């Protein structure tokens, strides 16, 4: 098969985009790397518009694996290019624009998970301090964050509205409408399950530093390998499918005798965090899924 990988960029910030290209070649595919910035439109041979990926007709690819950067500076053009690719006849895109828009929006993700009957925190939009105060009155401690944020930027816990009003005001200054949800205790840790096709090769438990609540390894949280029960991995796969993703990293919290899905990340990183064997299982899971669903149409 001829398979393209739509990567984040060429900086190396996401090495797994390049690794997917290498792994595809190992499996016998003709694979190449491009970014959404390298998608162009030209007059088609029969009229209308033809979509090119790094100078090649998009329809010449059997499939594209999408790990692209959509939001941020230049997002309108990237959304347009991903939408154009999603509508190329005969091209299988893993995953297309609608899945990307859903997974990139925490509001849309919550909506999709709820529609699928999956456990996720209640959410509300807040655009003023009055609305933040009302949420705190209803839920007690809350989490505020941008709907389209990533890497944990501007995610804050408001435990005491009166004492932390200035923090909420600063967050609203940077993002005029925030997502607000109740804070669920994280002292017992947070699960990260990576779904790759039908497989769940990376299962870890992230533990916040003593005296803190954030379960981010980049901010000092520790992690350990997890022998995840089938109930947990099955929930992760169903949540990924509800959002429309074939490769996803899910943050899931133990809660009230079960689980609650906090995040469904469309470009999961640190795919080699548990070593080479699990890393290869992720890449195999992606290609097994792509091969199966490209062959069946």
Protein backbone atom coordinates (compact mmCIF):
# COMPACT_ATOMS: atom_id res chain seq x y z
CA UNK A 1 0.00 0.00 0.00
CA UNK A 2 0.97 3.62 -0.46
CA UNK A 3 0.53 5.23 2.95
CA UNK A 4 1.32 8.77 4.00
CA UNK A 5 1.86 9.99 7.55
CA UNK A 6 0.59 13.48 8.34
CA UNK A 7 2.93 14.61 11.09
CA UNK A 8 3.01 17.48 13.57
CA UNK A 9 5.98 19.25 11.97
CA UNK A 10 9.64 18.63 11.09
CA UNK A 11 11.10 19.79 14.41
CA UNK A 12 11.20 16.36 16.01
CA UNK A 13 8.82 17.37 18.79
CA UNK A 14 6.79 14.32 17.74
CA UNK A 15 9.31 11.62 16.80
CA UNK A 16 6.57 9.02 16.41
CA UNK A 17 5.39 10.58 13.17
CA UNK A 18 8.75 9.69 11.61
CA UNK A 19 8.77 6.32 13.39
CA UNK A 20 5.42 5.47 11.80
CA UNK A 21 6.98 6.10 8.38
CA UNK A 22 9.89 3.76 9.15
CA UNK A 23 7.58 1.10 10.58
CA UNK A 24 5.36 1.20 7.52
CA UNK A 25 8.37 0.53 5.34
CA UNK A 26 9.32 -2.39 7.58
CA UNK A 27 5.86 -3.83 6.92
CA UNK A 28 6.36 -3.51 3.16
CA UNK A 29 4.42 -0.32 2.48
CA UNK A 30 5.48 2.70 0.45
CA UNK A 31 5.36 5.34 3.16
CA UNK A 32 6.23 9.03 3.32
CA UNK A 33 5.95 11.99 5.71
CA UNK A 34 4.19 15.31 5.20
CA UNK A 35 2.45 18.01 7.24
CA UNK A 36 -0.85 19.80 6.67
CA UNK A 37 1.17 22.84 5.64
CA UNK A 38 2.28 20.79 2.61
CA UNK A 39 -1.26 20.14 1.39
CA UNK A 40 -2.08 22.20 -1.71
CA UNK A 41 -4.97 22.62 -4.14
CA UNK A 42 -4.63 22.72 -7.93
CA UNK A 43 -7.04 22.54 -10.87
CA UNK A 44 -8.10 18.94 -11.38
CA UNK A 45 -7.54 17.07 -14.65
CA UNK A 46 -11.30 16.99 -15.21
CA UNK A 47 -12.00 20.41 -13.74
CA UNK A 48 -12.64 21.48 -10.19
CA UNK A 49 -9.97 21.08 -7.51
CA UNK A 50 -7.35 18.42 -6.95
CA UNK A 51 -5.76 17.97 -3.53
CA UNK A 52 -2.00 17.42 -3.43
CA UNK A 53 0.06 16.08 -0.52
CA UNK A 54 3.65 17.25 -0.83
CA UNK A 55 3.19 17.51 -4.58
CA UNK A 56 1.49 14.12 -5.03
CA UNK A 57 -2.22 13.67 -5.81
CA UNK A 58 -4.01 12.74 -2.59
CA UNK A 59 -5.97 10.06 -4.44
CA UNK A 60 -2.69 8.28 -5.26
CA UNK A 61 -2.45 7.28 -1.57
CA UNK A 62 -4.32 4.28 -0.25
CA UNK A 63 -4.36 5.76 3.25
CA UNK A 64 -3.10 8.61 5.38
CA UNK A 65 -2.26 8.26 9.07
CA UNK A 66 -3.03 11.54 10.78
CA UNK A 67 -0.85 12.85 13.64
CA UNK A 68 -1.09 16.43 12.45
CA UNK A 69 -1.20 19.70 14.31
CA UNK A 70 -4.57 21.32 13.72
CA UNK A 71 -5.09 24.04 16.32
CA UNK A 72 -2.81 26.92 17.17
CA UNK A 73 -1.56 29.63 14.83
CA UNK A 74 -2.77 28.99 11.28
CA UNK A 75 -5.52 26.61 12.45
CA UNK A 76 -8.14 27.83 9.98
CA UNK A 77 -5.98 26.82 7.01
CA UNK A 78 -5.05 23.46 8.56
CA UNK A 79 -8.69 22.65 9.34
CA UNK A 80 -9.56 23.48 5.73
CA UNK A 81 -6.78 21.25 4.37
CA UNK A 82 -7.72 18.35 6.61
CA UNK A 83 -11.34 18.77 5.55
CA UNK A 84 -10.36 18.67 1.88
CA UNK A 85 -8.33 15.51 2.45
CA UNK A 86 -11.23 13.94 4.32
CA UNK A 87 -13.39 14.31 1.20
CA UNK A 88 -11.01 12.84 -1.38
CA UNK A 89 -12.86 9.88 -2.96
CA UNK A 90 -11.25 6.52 -2.22
CA UNK A 91 -8.68 7.90 0.27
CA UNK A 92 -8.86 6.39 3.75
CA UNK A 93 -7.85 8.89 6.41
CA UNK A 94 -7.02 7.69 9.93
CA UNK A 95 -8.51 9.83 11.26
CA UNK A 96 -10.62 12.37 9.32
CA UNK A 97 -11.58 15.95 10.14
CA UNK A 98 -14.75 15.24 12.12
CA UNK A 99 -12.89 12.95 14.54
CA UNK A 100 -10.12 15.54 14.85
CA UNK A 101 -12.55 18.36 15.57
CA UNK A 102 -14.30 16.25 18.20
CA UNK A 103 -11.11 15.12 19.92
CA UNK A 104 -9.52 18.59 19.80
CA UNK A 105 -12.54 20.09 21.55
CA UNK A 106 -13.06 19.05 25.15
CA UNK A 107 -16.70 20.14 24.90
CA UNK A 108 -17.32 17.99 21.82
CA UNK A 109 -15.44 15.08 23.40
CA UNK A 110 -17.68 15.23 26.48
CA UNK A 111 -20.73 15.38 24.22
CA UNK A 112 -19.61 12.34 22.21
CA UNK A 113 -18.77 10.28 25.29
CA UNK A 114 -22.08 11.12 26.92
CA UNK A 115 -23.99 10.20 23.75
CA UNK A 116 -22.21 6.83 23.79
CA UNK A 117 -23.25 6.24 27.40
CA UNK A 118 -19.68 6.42 28.71
CA UNK A 119 -18.76 7.93 32.10
CA UNK A 120 -17.35 11.44 31.85
CA UNK A 121 -17.50 14.47 34.18
CA UNK A 122 -20.30 17.00 33.74
CA UNK A 123 -19.05 20.17 32.05
CA UNK A 124 -20.20 23.73 31.66
CA UNK A 125 -18.87 26.74 29.79
CA UNK A 126 -17.89 29.75 31.86
CA UNK A 127 -17.24 33.23 30.47
CA UNK A 128 -17.35 35.32 33.63
CA UNK A 129 -16.31 35.24 37.26
CA UNK A 130 -20.00 35.06 38.18
CA UNK A 131 -20.31 31.79 36.26
CA UNK A 132 -17.15 30.40 37.84
CA UNK A 133 -18.50 31.28 41.27
CA UNK A 134 -21.79 29.54 40.47
CA UNK A 135 -19.93 26.40 39.39
CA UNK A 136 -17.94 26.43 42.64
CA UNK A 137 -21.16 26.82 44.61
CA UNK A 138 -22.61 23.78 42.82
CA UNK A 139 -19.59 21.50 42.70
CA UNK A 140 -17.18 22.77 45.34
CA UNK A 141 -13.69 22.46 43.85
CA UNK A 142 -13.55 22.80 40.07
CA UNK A 143 -11.13 22.50 37.17
CA UNK A 144 -10.87 25.32 34.65
CA UNK A 145 -9.22 24.79 31.27
CA UNK A 146 -9.40 25.85 27.61
CA UNK A 147 -11.50 23.57 25.43
CA UNK A 148 -8.81 23.51 22.73
CA UNK A 149 -5.76 23.44 24.97
CA UNK A 150 -3.09 20.76 25.02
CA UNK A 151 -0.07 19.77 27.13
CA UNK A 152 -1.91 20.85 30.27
CA UNK A 153 -1.51 24.55 29.50
CA UNK A 154 -3.74 26.80 31.63
CA UNK A 155 -5.39 23.86 33.42
CA UNK A 156 -6.04 25.02 36.98
CA UNK A 157 -7.89 23.82 40.05
CA UNK A 158 -10.04 26.34 41.91
CA UNK A 159 -10.46 25.03 45.46
CA UNK A 160 -11.57 28.31 47.08
CA UNK A 161 -13.21 30.85 44.78
CA UNK A 162 -12.75 33.75 47.17
CA UNK A 163 -9.03 33.10 47.59
CA UNK A 164 -8.39 32.17 43.95
CA UNK A 165 -10.63 34.66 42.18
CA UNK A 166 -7.61 36.38 40.63
CA UNK A 167 -6.41 33.10 39.11
CA UNK A 168 -9.82 32.50 37.54
CA UNK A 169 -9.86 36.06 36.23
CA UNK A 170 -6.43 35.65 34.63
CA UNK A 171 -7.49 32.39 32.94
CA UNK A 172 -10.59 34.11 31.54
CA UNK A 173 -8.44 36.98 30.31
CA UNK A 174 -6.34 34.52 28.27
CA UNK A 175 -9.29 32.35 27.16
CA UNK A 176 -12.62 34.21 27.24
CA UNK A 177 -14.68 31.00 27.44
CA UNK A 178 -13.36 28.12 29.54
CA UNK A 179 -14.51 24.60 30.20
CA UNK A 180 -15.40 24.02 33.85
CA UNK A 181 -15.95 20.65 35.51
CA UNK A 182 -15.93 19.30 39.05
CA UNK A 183 -12.56 18.33 40.50
CA UNK A 184 -12.22 14.62 41.23
CA UNK A 185 -9.50 13.65 43.73
CA UNK A 186 -6.34 12.30 42.07
CA UNK A 187 -4.45 11.06 45.14
CA UNK A 188 -4.94 7.47 43.98
CA UNK A 189 -3.50 8.25 40.57
CA UNK A 190 -4.81 8.53 37.04
CA UNK A 191 -4.72 5.84 34.36
CA UNK A 192 -3.26 6.48 30.91
CA UNK A 193 -4.39 3.91 28.37
CA UNK A 194 -3.07 4.13 24.81
CA UNK A 195 -5.39 2.67 22.18
CA UNK A 196 -3.82 1.65 18.87
CA UNK A 197 -6.43 0.11 16.61
CA UNK A 198 -7.87 -2.80 18.57
CA UNK A 199 -4.84 -3.01 20.87
CA UNK A 200 -4.06 -1.27 24.17
CA UNK A 201 -0.27 -1.71 24.39
CA UNK A 202 0.56 1.06 26.89
CA UNK A 203 -1.20 1.01 30.25
CA UNK A 204 0.26 3.08 33.08
CA UNK A 205 -0.78 4.58 36.39
CA UNK A 206 0.33 8.19 36.85
CA UNK A 207 0.81 9.36 40.44
CA UNK A 208 1.02 13.03 41.45
CA UNK A 209 3.91 14.26 43.56
CA UNK A 210 3.09 14.20 47.28
CA UNK A 211 1.06 17.27 48.20
CA UNK A 212 0.04 18.00 44.60
CA UNK A 213 -2.87 16.97 42.37
CA UNK A 214 -1.51 17.07 38.82
CA UNK A 215 -0.86 13.69 37.21
CA UNK A 216 1.47 15.05 34.52
CA UNK A 217 4.82 13.34 34.17
CA UNK A 218 6.26 16.54 32.69
CA UNK A 219 5.42 18.26 35.99
CA UNK A 220 7.01 15.68 38.27
CA UNK A 221 4.34 12.98 38.48
CA UNK A 222 5.66 9.45 38.63
CA UNK A 223 4.27 6.51 36.71
CA UNK A 224 4.28 2.75 36.87
CA UNK A 225 3.35 -0.02 34.49
CA UNK A 226 -0.25 -1.14 34.95
CA UNK A 227 -1.74 -4.59 34.51
CA UNK A 228 -5.02 -3.05 33.39
CA UNK A 229 -8.24 -5.03 33.82
CA UNK A 230 -10.31 -5.76 30.73
CA UNK A 231 -13.03 -3.45 32.02
CA UNK A 232 -10.64 -0.51 31.91
CA UNK A 233 -9.06 -1.25 28.52
CA UNK A 234 -12.49 -1.98 27.05
CA UNK A 235 -13.72 1.41 28.26
CA UNK A 236 -10.70 3.08 26.67
CA UNK A 237 -11.35 1.43 23.30
CA UNK A 238 -15.04 2.35 23.39
CA UNK A 239 -14.21 5.95 24.29
CA UNK A 240 -11.69 6.22 21.44
CA UNK A 241 -14.27 4.89 18.99
CA UNK A 242 -16.98 7.21 20.33
CA UNK A 243 -14.75 10.16 19.45
CA UNK A 244 -13.79 8.56 16.13
CA UNK A 245 -10.09 7.87 16.75
CA UNK A 246 -8.06 4.82 15.85
CA UNK A 247 -4.99 5.98 17.84
CA UNK A 248 -5.61 7.80 21.11
CA UNK A 249 -4.26 8.36 24.60
CA UNK A 250 -6.95 8.34 27.27
CA UNK A 251 -6.75 9.74 30.79
CA UNK A 252 -9.16 7.81 32.98
CA UNK A 253 -9.71 8.28 36.69
CA UNK A 254 -10.99 5.74 39.20
CA UNK A 255 -14.19 7.20 40.65
CA UNK A 256 -17.17 6.03 42.70
CA UNK A 257 -16.38 2.34 42.31
CA UNK A 258 -15.82 2.66 38.57
CA UNK A 259 -14.09 4.98 36.14
CA UNK A 260 -14.56 8.39 34.56
CA UNK A 261 -12.96 9.39 31.24
CA UNK A 262 -11.21 12.75 31.58
CA UNK A 263 -9.42 13.20 28.25
CA UNK A 264 -9.18 11.57 24.81
CA UNK A 265 -5.96 12.80 23.19
CA UNK A 266 -5.71 12.58 19.41
CA UNK A 267 -1.91 12.78 19.25
CA UNK A 268 -0.72 10.66 22.20
CA UNK A 269 2.95 11.15 22.94
CA UNK A 270 5.63 9.16 24.73
CA UNK A 271 4.73 6.00 22.81
CA UNK A 272 8.07 4.50 23.84
CA UNK A 273 7.61 5.22 27.54
CA UNK A 274 7.54 1.51 28.47
CA UNK A 275 10.33 0.47 26.16
CA UNK A 276 10.87 -0.87 22.66
CA UNK A 277 8.48 -3.83 22.87
CA UNK A 278 5.43 -1.76 23.80
CA UNK A 279 6.44 0.95 21.32
CA UNK A 280 6.47 -1.59 18.52
CA UNK A 281 3.10 -2.94 19.65
CA UNK A 282 1.63 0.56 19.27
CA UNK A 283 3.00 0.92 15.75
CA UNK A 284 1.83 -2.58 14.84
CA UNK A 285 -1.61 -1.82 16.25
CA UNK A 286 -1.91 1.28 14.09
CA UNK A 287 -0.84 -0.47 10.88
CA UNK A 288 -2.93 -3.58 11.53
CA UNK A 289 -5.97 -1.32 11.88
CA UNK A 290 -5.10 0.72 8.79
CA UNK A 291 -4.44 -2.37 6.67
CA UNK A 292 -7.68 -4.03 7.77
CA UNK A 293 -9.90 -1.00 7.20
CA UNK A 294 -8.23 0.10 3.98
CA UNK A 295 -8.59 -3.37 2.49
CA UNK A 296 -12.25 -3.61 3.48
CA UNK A 297 -13.09 -0.05 2.43
